[in-house]
C-alpha atoms as a PDB file:
ATOM      1  CA  MET A   1       6.994   9.955  -9.198  1.00  0.00           C
ATOM      2  CA  LEU A   2       6.192   6.461  -7.541  1.00  0.00           C
ATOM      3  CA  ALA A   3       7.781   4.773 -10.255  1.00  0.00           C
ATOM      4  CA  GLY A   4      11.059   6.619  -9.582  1.00  0.00           C
ATOM      5  CA  LEU A   5      10.932   6.186  -5.977  1.00  0.00           C
ATOM      6  CA  LEU A   6      10.346   2.207  -6.584  1.00  0.00           C
ATOM      7  CA  SER A   7      13.274   2.189  -8.943  1.00  0.00           C
ATOM      8  CA  PHE A   8      15.530   3.840  -6.402  1.00  0.00           C
ATOM      9  CA  LEU A   9      14.509   1.379  -3.820  1.00  0.00           C
ATOM     10  CA  LEU A  10      14.714  -1.478  -6.048  1.00  0.00           C
ATOM     11  CA  SER A  11      18.263  -0.947  -8.026  1.00  0.00           C
ATOM     12  CA  PRO A  12      20.511  -2.424  -5.181  1.00  0.00           C
ATOM     13  CA  LEU A  13      18.367  -5.675  -5.565  1.00  0.00           C
ATOM     14  CA  VAL A  14      18.932  -5.541  -9.247  1.00  0.00           C
ATOM     15  CA  ARG A  15      22.501  -4.817  -8.714  1.00  0.00           C
ATOM     16  CA  ARG A  16      23.087  -7.759  -6.312  1.00  0.00           C
ATOM     17  CA  LEU A  17      21.177 -10.017  -8.777  1.00  0.00           C
ATOM     18  CA  GLU A  18      23.474  -8.933 -11.603  1.00  0.00           C
ATOM     19  CA  ARG A  19      26.355  -9.832  -9.219  1.00  0.00           C
ATOM     20  CA  TRP A  20      25.060 -13.311  -9.071  1.00  0.00           C
ATOM     21  CA  ARG A  21      25.203 -13.822 -12.759  1.00  0.00           C
ATOM     22  CA  LEU A  22      21.905 -12.925 -13.675  1.00  0.00           C
ATOM     23  CA  ARG A  23      21.528 -10.911 -16.851  1.00  0.00           C
ATOM     24  CA  ARG A  24      19.802  -7.383 -16.509  1.00  0.00           C
ATOM     25  CA  VAL A  25      16.459  -8.350 -18.131  1.00  0.00           C
ATOM     26  CA  GLY A  26      16.455 -11.133 -15.799  1.00  0.00           C
ATOM     27  CA  ALA A  27      17.094  -9.293 -12.882  1.00  0.00           C
ATOM     28  CA  VAL A  28      14.976  -6.337 -13.808  1.00  0.00           C
ATOM     29  CA  LEU A  29      11.991  -9.092 -14.083  1.00  0.00           C
ATOM     30  CA  VAL A  30      12.740 -11.348 -11.095  1.00  0.00           C
ATOM     31  CA  THR A  31      13.081  -8.161  -8.731  1.00  0.00           C
ATOM     32  CA  ALA A  32       9.918  -6.490 -10.283  1.00  0.00           C
ATOM     33  CA  ALA A  33       7.624  -9.508 -10.143  1.00  0.00           C
ATOM     34  CA  LEU A  34       8.960 -10.307  -6.436  1.00  0.00           C
ATOM     35  CA  THR A  35       8.342  -6.643  -5.707  1.00  0.00           C
ATOM     36  CA  PHE A  36       4.451  -6.454  -6.918  1.00  0.00           C
ATOM     37  CA  ILE A  37       3.709  -9.966  -5.645  1.00  0.00           C
ATOM     38  CA  LEU A  38       4.672  -8.285  -2.229  1.00  0.00           C
ATOM     39  CA  ILE A  39       2.765  -5.484  -2.911  1.00  0.00           C
ATOM     40  CA  GLY A  40      -0.164  -7.382  -3.900  1.00  0.00           C
ATOM     41  CA  GLU A  41      -0.328  -9.653  -1.000  1.00  0.00           C
ATOM     42  CA  LEU A  42       0.344  -6.645   1.240  1.00  0.00           C
ATOM     43  CA  THR A  43      -2.846  -5.043  -0.519  1.00  0.00           C
ATOM     44  CA  TYR A  44      -4.502  -8.402   0.112  1.00  0.00           C
ATOM     45  CA  LEU A  45      -3.960  -8.651   4.184  1.00  0.00           C
ATOM     46  CA  VAL A  46      -5.145  -5.102   4.297  1.00  0.00           C
ATOM     47  CA  ASP A  47      -8.345  -5.785   2.460  1.00  0.00           C
ATOM     48  CA  LEU A  48      -8.846  -9.006   4.948  1.00  0.00           C
ATOM     49  CA  ALA A  49      -8.004  -6.816   7.814  1.00  0.00           C
ATOM     50  CA  ARG A  50     -10.888  -4.399   6.775  1.00  0.00           C
ATOM     51  CA  SER A  51     -13.363  -7.330   5.854  1.00  0.00           C
ATOM     52  CA  LEU A  52     -12.831  -9.171   9.437  1.00  0.00           C
ATOM     53  CA  PRO A  53     -15.891  -7.711  10.904  1.00  0.00           C
ATOM     54  CA  LYS A  54     -17.748  -9.610   8.240  1.00  0.00           C
ATOM     55  CA  TYR A  55     -16.723 -13.085   9.624  1.00  0.00           C
ATOM     56  CA  ARG A  56     -17.200 -12.141  13.180  1.00  0.00           C
ATOM     57  CA  SER A  57     -20.035 -14.738  13.981  1.00  0.00           C
ATOM     58  CA  ASN A  58     -18.125 -17.681  12.187  1.00  0.00           C
ATOM     59  CA  LEU A  59     -14.781 -16.862  14.213  1.00  0.00           C
ATOM     60  CA  ILE A  60     -16.789 -16.556  17.477  1.00  0.00           C
ATOM     61  CA  ALA A  61     -18.598 -20.438  16.559  1.00  0.00           C
ATOM     62  CA  ARG A  62     -14.827 -21.673  15.865  1.00  0.00           C
ATOM     63  CA  VAL A  63     -13.406 -19.993  19.154  1.00  0.00           C
ATOM     64  CA  GLU A  64     -16.544 -21.784  20.912  1.00  0.00           C
ATOM     65  CA  ALA A  65     -15.452 -24.989  19.656  1.00  0.00           C
ATOM     66  CA  LEU A  66     -12.133 -24.524  20.880  1.00  0.00           C
ATOM     67  CA  LYS A  67     -13.130 -23.847  24.406  1.00  0.00           C
ATOM     68  CA  THR A  68     -12.200 -26.870  26.912  1.00  0.00           C
ATOM     69  CA  HIS A  69     -11.524 -25.042  30.317  1.00  0.00           C
ATOM     70  CA  GLU A  70     -11.670 -22.297  32.097  1.00  0.00           C
ATOM     71  CA  ASN A  71      -8.045 -21.078  32.427  1.00  0.00           C
ATOM     72  CA  ASN A  72      -7.657 -21.618  28.467  1.00  0.00           C
ATOM     73  CA  PRO A  73      -4.969 -19.761  27.297  1.00  0.00           C
ATOM     74  CA  LEU A  74      -7.111 -18.473  24.176  1.00  0.00           C
ATOM     75  CA  ARG A  75      -9.546 -17.271  26.440  1.00  0.00           C
ATOM     76  CA  LEU A  76      -7.032 -15.298  28.751  1.00  0.00           C
ATOM     77  CA  ALA A  77      -5.639 -13.767  25.502  1.00  0.00           C
ATOM     78  CA  VAL A  78      -9.184 -12.731  24.456  1.00  0.00           C
ATOM     79  CA  GLN A  79     -10.096 -11.348  27.933  1.00  0.00           C
ATOM     80  CA  THR A  80      -6.865  -9.248  27.794  1.00  0.00           C
ATOM     81  CA  ILE A  81      -7.491  -7.833  24.446  1.00  0.00           C
ATOM     82  CA  SER A  82     -11.110  -6.793  25.488  1.00  0.00           C
ATOM     83  CA  ASP A  83      -9.893  -5.364  28.606  1.00  0.00           C
ATOM     84  CA  VAL A  84      -7.408  -3.122  26.716  1.00  0.00           C
ATOM     85  CA  THR A  85      -9.972  -2.392  23.962  1.00  0.00           C
ATOM     86  CA  ALA A  86     -12.637  -1.436  26.595  1.00  0.00           C
ATOM     87  CA  ASP A  87     -10.026   0.887  28.231  1.00  0.00           C
ATOM     88  CA  LEU A  88      -8.820   2.533  24.770  1.00  0.00           C
ATOM     89  CA  ASN A  89     -12.839   2.882  24.108  1.00  0.00           C
ATOM     90  CA  LYS A  90     -13.756   4.666  27.356  1.00  0.00           C
ATOM     91  CA  PRO A  91     -14.679   8.359  26.855  1.00  0.00           C
ATOM     92  CA  GLU A  92     -12.407  10.667  28.767  1.00  0.00           C
ATOM     93  CA  ASP A  93     -15.327  12.300  30.424  1.00  0.00           C
ATOM     94  CA  ALA A  94     -18.865  11.033  30.666  1.00  0.00           C
ATOM     95  CA  THR A  95     -20.223  14.660  29.988  1.00  0.00           C
ATOM     96  CA  ALA A  96     -18.820  15.113  26.555  1.00  0.00           C
ATOM     97  CA  GLU A  97     -20.630  11.779  25.962  1.00  0.00           C
ATOM     98  CA  ALA A  98     -23.825  13.415  27.112  1.00  0.00           C
ATOM     99  CA  ARG A  99     -23.011  16.371  24.992  1.00  0.00           C
ATOM    100  CA  SER A 100     -22.172  14.557  21.796  1.00  0.00           C
ATOM    101  CA  ALA A 101     -25.542  12.366  22.109  1.00  0.00           C
ATOM    102  CA  ALA A 102     -27.643  15.792  22.651  1.00  0.00           C
ATOM    103  CA  VAL A 103     -26.075  17.475  19.437  1.00  0.00           C
ATOM    104  CA  ASP A 104     -26.992  14.028  17.483  1.00  0.00           C
ATOM    105  CA  ARG A 105     -30.496  14.748  18.107  1.00  0.00           C
ATOM    106  CA  LYS A 106     -30.586  18.029  17.327  1.00  0.00           C
ATOM    107  CA  ARG A 107     -29.212  17.238  13.843  1.00  0.00           C
ATOM    108  CA  VAL A 108     -32.222  16.683  11.489  1.00  0.00           C
ATOM    109  CA  MET A 109     -31.675  16.279   7.760  1.00  0.00           C
ATOM    110  CA  GLN A 110     -34.117  16.551   5.030  1.00  0.00           C
ATOM    111  CA  VAL A 111     -34.025  14.109   2.300  1.00  0.00           C
ATOM    112  CA  GLU A 112     -35.541  14.382  -0.912  1.00  0.00           C
ATOM    113  CA  VAL A 113     -35.908  11.435  -3.550  1.00  0.00           C
ATOM    114  CA  LEU A 114     -35.390  12.352  -7.268  1.00  0.00           C
ATOM    115  CA  PRO A 115     -36.182  10.516 -10.147  1.00  0.00           C
ATOM    116  CA  PRO A 116     -33.257   9.127 -11.813  1.00  0.00           C
ATOM    117  CA  ALA A 117     -31.790  11.311 -14.654  1.00  0.00           C
ATOM    118  CA  ASP A 118     -31.763  10.288 -18.487  1.00  0.00           C
ATOM    119  CA  VAL A 119     -28.126   9.000 -18.459  1.00  0.00           C
ATOM    120  CA  GLY A 120     -26.712   7.474 -21.765  1.00  0.00           C
ATOM    121  CA  SER A 121     -25.571   4.027 -21.714  1.00  0.00           C
ATOM    122  CA  ILE A 122     -21.824   4.842 -22.580  1.00  0.00           C
ATOM    123  CA  GLN A 123     -21.658   7.426 -19.432  1.00  0.00           C
ATOM    124  CA  MET A 124     -23.392   4.760 -17.286  1.00  0.00           C
ATOM    125  CA  LEU A 125     -20.904   2.464 -18.397  1.00  0.00           C
ATOM    126  CA  MET A 126     -18.008   4.659 -17.735  1.00  0.00           C
ATOM    127  CA  GLY A 127     -19.491   5.586 -14.383  1.00  0.00           C
ATOM    128  CA  VAL A 128     -19.246   2.015 -13.567  1.00  0.00           C
ATOM    129  CA  LEU A 129     -16.003   0.796 -15.049  1.00  0.00           C
ATOM    130  CA  TRP A 130     -13.957   3.977 -14.163  1.00  0.00           C
ATOM    131  CA  PRO A 131     -13.564   3.283 -10.425  1.00  0.00           C
ATOM    132  CA  ILE A 132     -12.247  -0.184 -11.441  1.00  0.00           C
ATOM    133  CA  VAL A 133     -10.284   1.012 -14.575  1.00  0.00           C
ATOM    134  CA  GLY A 134      -8.723   3.903 -13.330  1.00  0.00           C
ATOM    135  CA  PRO A 135      -6.670   2.393 -10.565  1.00  0.00           C
ATOM    136  CA  VAL A 136      -5.754  -0.490 -12.511  1.00  0.00           C
ATOM    137  CA  ALA A 137      -4.337   1.532 -15.251  1.00  0.00           C
ATOM    138  CA  ASN A 138      -2.283   3.421 -12.946  1.00  0.00           C
ATOM    139  CA  THR A 139      -1.056   0.548 -11.112  1.00  0.00           C
ATOM    140  CA  LEU A 140       0.154  -0.959 -14.977  1.00  0.00           C
ATOM    141  CA  VAL A 141       1.775   2.450 -15.740  1.00  0.00           C
ATOM    142  CA  VAL A 142       3.762   2.197 -12.753  1.00  0.00           C
ATOM    143  CA  ILE A 143       4.680  -1.100 -13.263  1.00  0.00           C
ATOM    144  CA  VAL A 144       5.844  -0.510 -16.753  1.00  0.00           C
ATOM    145  CA  ILE A 145       7.734   2.700 -15.823  1.00  0.00           C
ATOM    146  CA  VAL A 146       9.526   0.695 -12.920  1.00  0.00           C
ATOM    147  CA  ILE A 147      10.741  -2.024 -15.323  1.00  0.00           C
ATOM    148  CA  PHE A 148      11.943   0.556 -17.925  1.00  0.00           C
ATOM    149  CA  MET A 149      13.681   2.656 -15.246  1.00  0.00           C
ATOM    150  CA  LEU A 150      15.453  -0.324 -13.856  1.00  0.00           C
ATOM    151  CA  MET A 151      16.306  -1.545 -17.015  1.00  0.00           C
ATOM    152  CA  ALA A 152      17.703   1.863 -18.307  1.00  0.00           C
ATOM    153  CA  GLY A 153      19.327   2.611 -14.703  1.00  0.00           C
ATOM    154  CA  GLU A 154      22.899   3.105 -15.719  1.00  0.00           C
ATOM    155  CA  ASP A 155      22.155   4.749 -19.085  1.00  0.00           C
ATOM    156  CA  LEU A 156      19.930   7.231 -17.571  1.00  0.00           C
ATOM    157  CA  ARG A 157      22.871   7.783 -15.256  1.00  0.00           C
ATOM    158  CA  ASP A 158      25.405   7.958 -18.163  1.00  0.00           C
ATOM    159  CA  ARG A 159      23.351  10.366 -20.145  1.00  0.00           C
ATOM    160  CA  LEU A 160      23.219  12.619 -17.183  1.00  0.00           C
ATOM    161  CA  ILE A 161      27.136  12.596 -16.449  1.00  0.00           C
ATOM    162  CA  HIS A 162      27.559  13.357 -20.289  1.00  0.00           C
ATOM    163  CA  LEU A 163      25.117  16.279 -20.056  1.00  0.00           C
ATOM    164  CA  GLY A 164      26.659  17.883 -16.943  1.00  0.00           C
ATOM    165  CA  GLY A 165      29.896  16.588 -16.065  1.00  0.00           C
ATOM    166  CA  ARG A 166      31.805  16.108 -19.525  1.00  0.00           C
ATOM    167  CA  GLY A 167      35.170  17.709 -17.961  1.00  0.00           C
ATOM    168  CA  ARG A 168      34.633  16.220 -14.208  1.00  0.00           C
ATOM    169  CA  LEU A 169      33.652  12.480 -15.586  1.00  0.00           C
ATOM    170  CA  ARG A 170      34.954  10.542 -12.394  1.00  0.00           C
ATOM    171  CA  VAL A 171      33.643  13.179 -10.007  1.00  0.00           C
ATOM    172  CA  SER A 172      30.292  13.155 -11.727  1.00  0.00           C
ATOM    173  CA  THR A 173      29.983   9.602 -11.704  1.00  0.00           C
ATOM    174  CA  GLN A 174      31.116   9.235  -7.883  1.00  0.00           C
ATOM    175  CA  ALA A 175      28.484  12.026  -6.855  1.00  0.00           C
ATOM    176  CA  LEU A 176      25.699  10.517  -9.094  1.00  0.00           C
ATOM    177  CA  ASP A 177      26.547   7.161  -7.682  1.00  0.00           C
ATOM    178  CA  ASP A 178      26.530   8.223  -4.094  1.00  0.00           C
ATOM    179  CA  ALA A 179      23.273   9.898  -4.345  1.00  0.00           C
ATOM    180  CA  GLY A 180      21.507   6.937  -5.873  1.00  0.00           C
ATOM    181  CA  HIS A 181      22.868   4.845  -2.622  1.00  0.00           C
ATOM    182  CA  ARG A 182      21.949   7.286  -0.113  1.00  0.00           C
ATOM    183  CA  ILE A 183      18.324   7.617  -1.628  1.00  0.00           C
ATOM    184  CA  SER A 184      18.277   4.030  -1.806  1.00  0.00           C
ATOM    185  CA  ARG A 185      19.292   3.538   1.769  1.00  0.00           C
ATOM    186  CA  TYR A 186      16.734   6.391   2.761  1.00  0.00           C
ATOM    187  CA  LEU A 187      14.081   4.721   1.082  1.00  0.00           C
ATOM    188  CA  ARG A 188      14.597   1.417   2.679  1.00  0.00           C
ATOM    189  CA  ALA A 189      14.965   2.788   6.080  1.00  0.00           C
END
């Protein structure tokens, strides 16, 4: 499903590259490469944003080195951000905070430590590798399907027209092209 959505989203770019005299294969490969590089970069940025708390002390030390005077623009920006964050984190009512603290004190959980069960080496290896291999395999399948759908886009449309609209070739072609353009425009929006 994701591959189908991506192929609808990317097909206008492939058509534009073809109009610039790039062959179909080249247009598809350039589009796929650019798209998946962009997706990879966005994933990296999200991961970087999640790991920023690890670098807090290093960032604070660097900011301290930048401090020069009291009315430093960086200091004013940080103060504004911290004021806004403090306002966002204020509890709506202090009694709710006291109630939640009381509930937390009442919750006691009993924990029992069990010895590890005998697990075969293959099962243990699969348990360790599957969280890594599974998403990578899914990503590769999506990439391959997107590339094939972009390569055979016109052919798939022609086959659908042949199946459903033999007697009304022009109307069927226009309907499918219009639907494709609308879906692409919707996904871009």
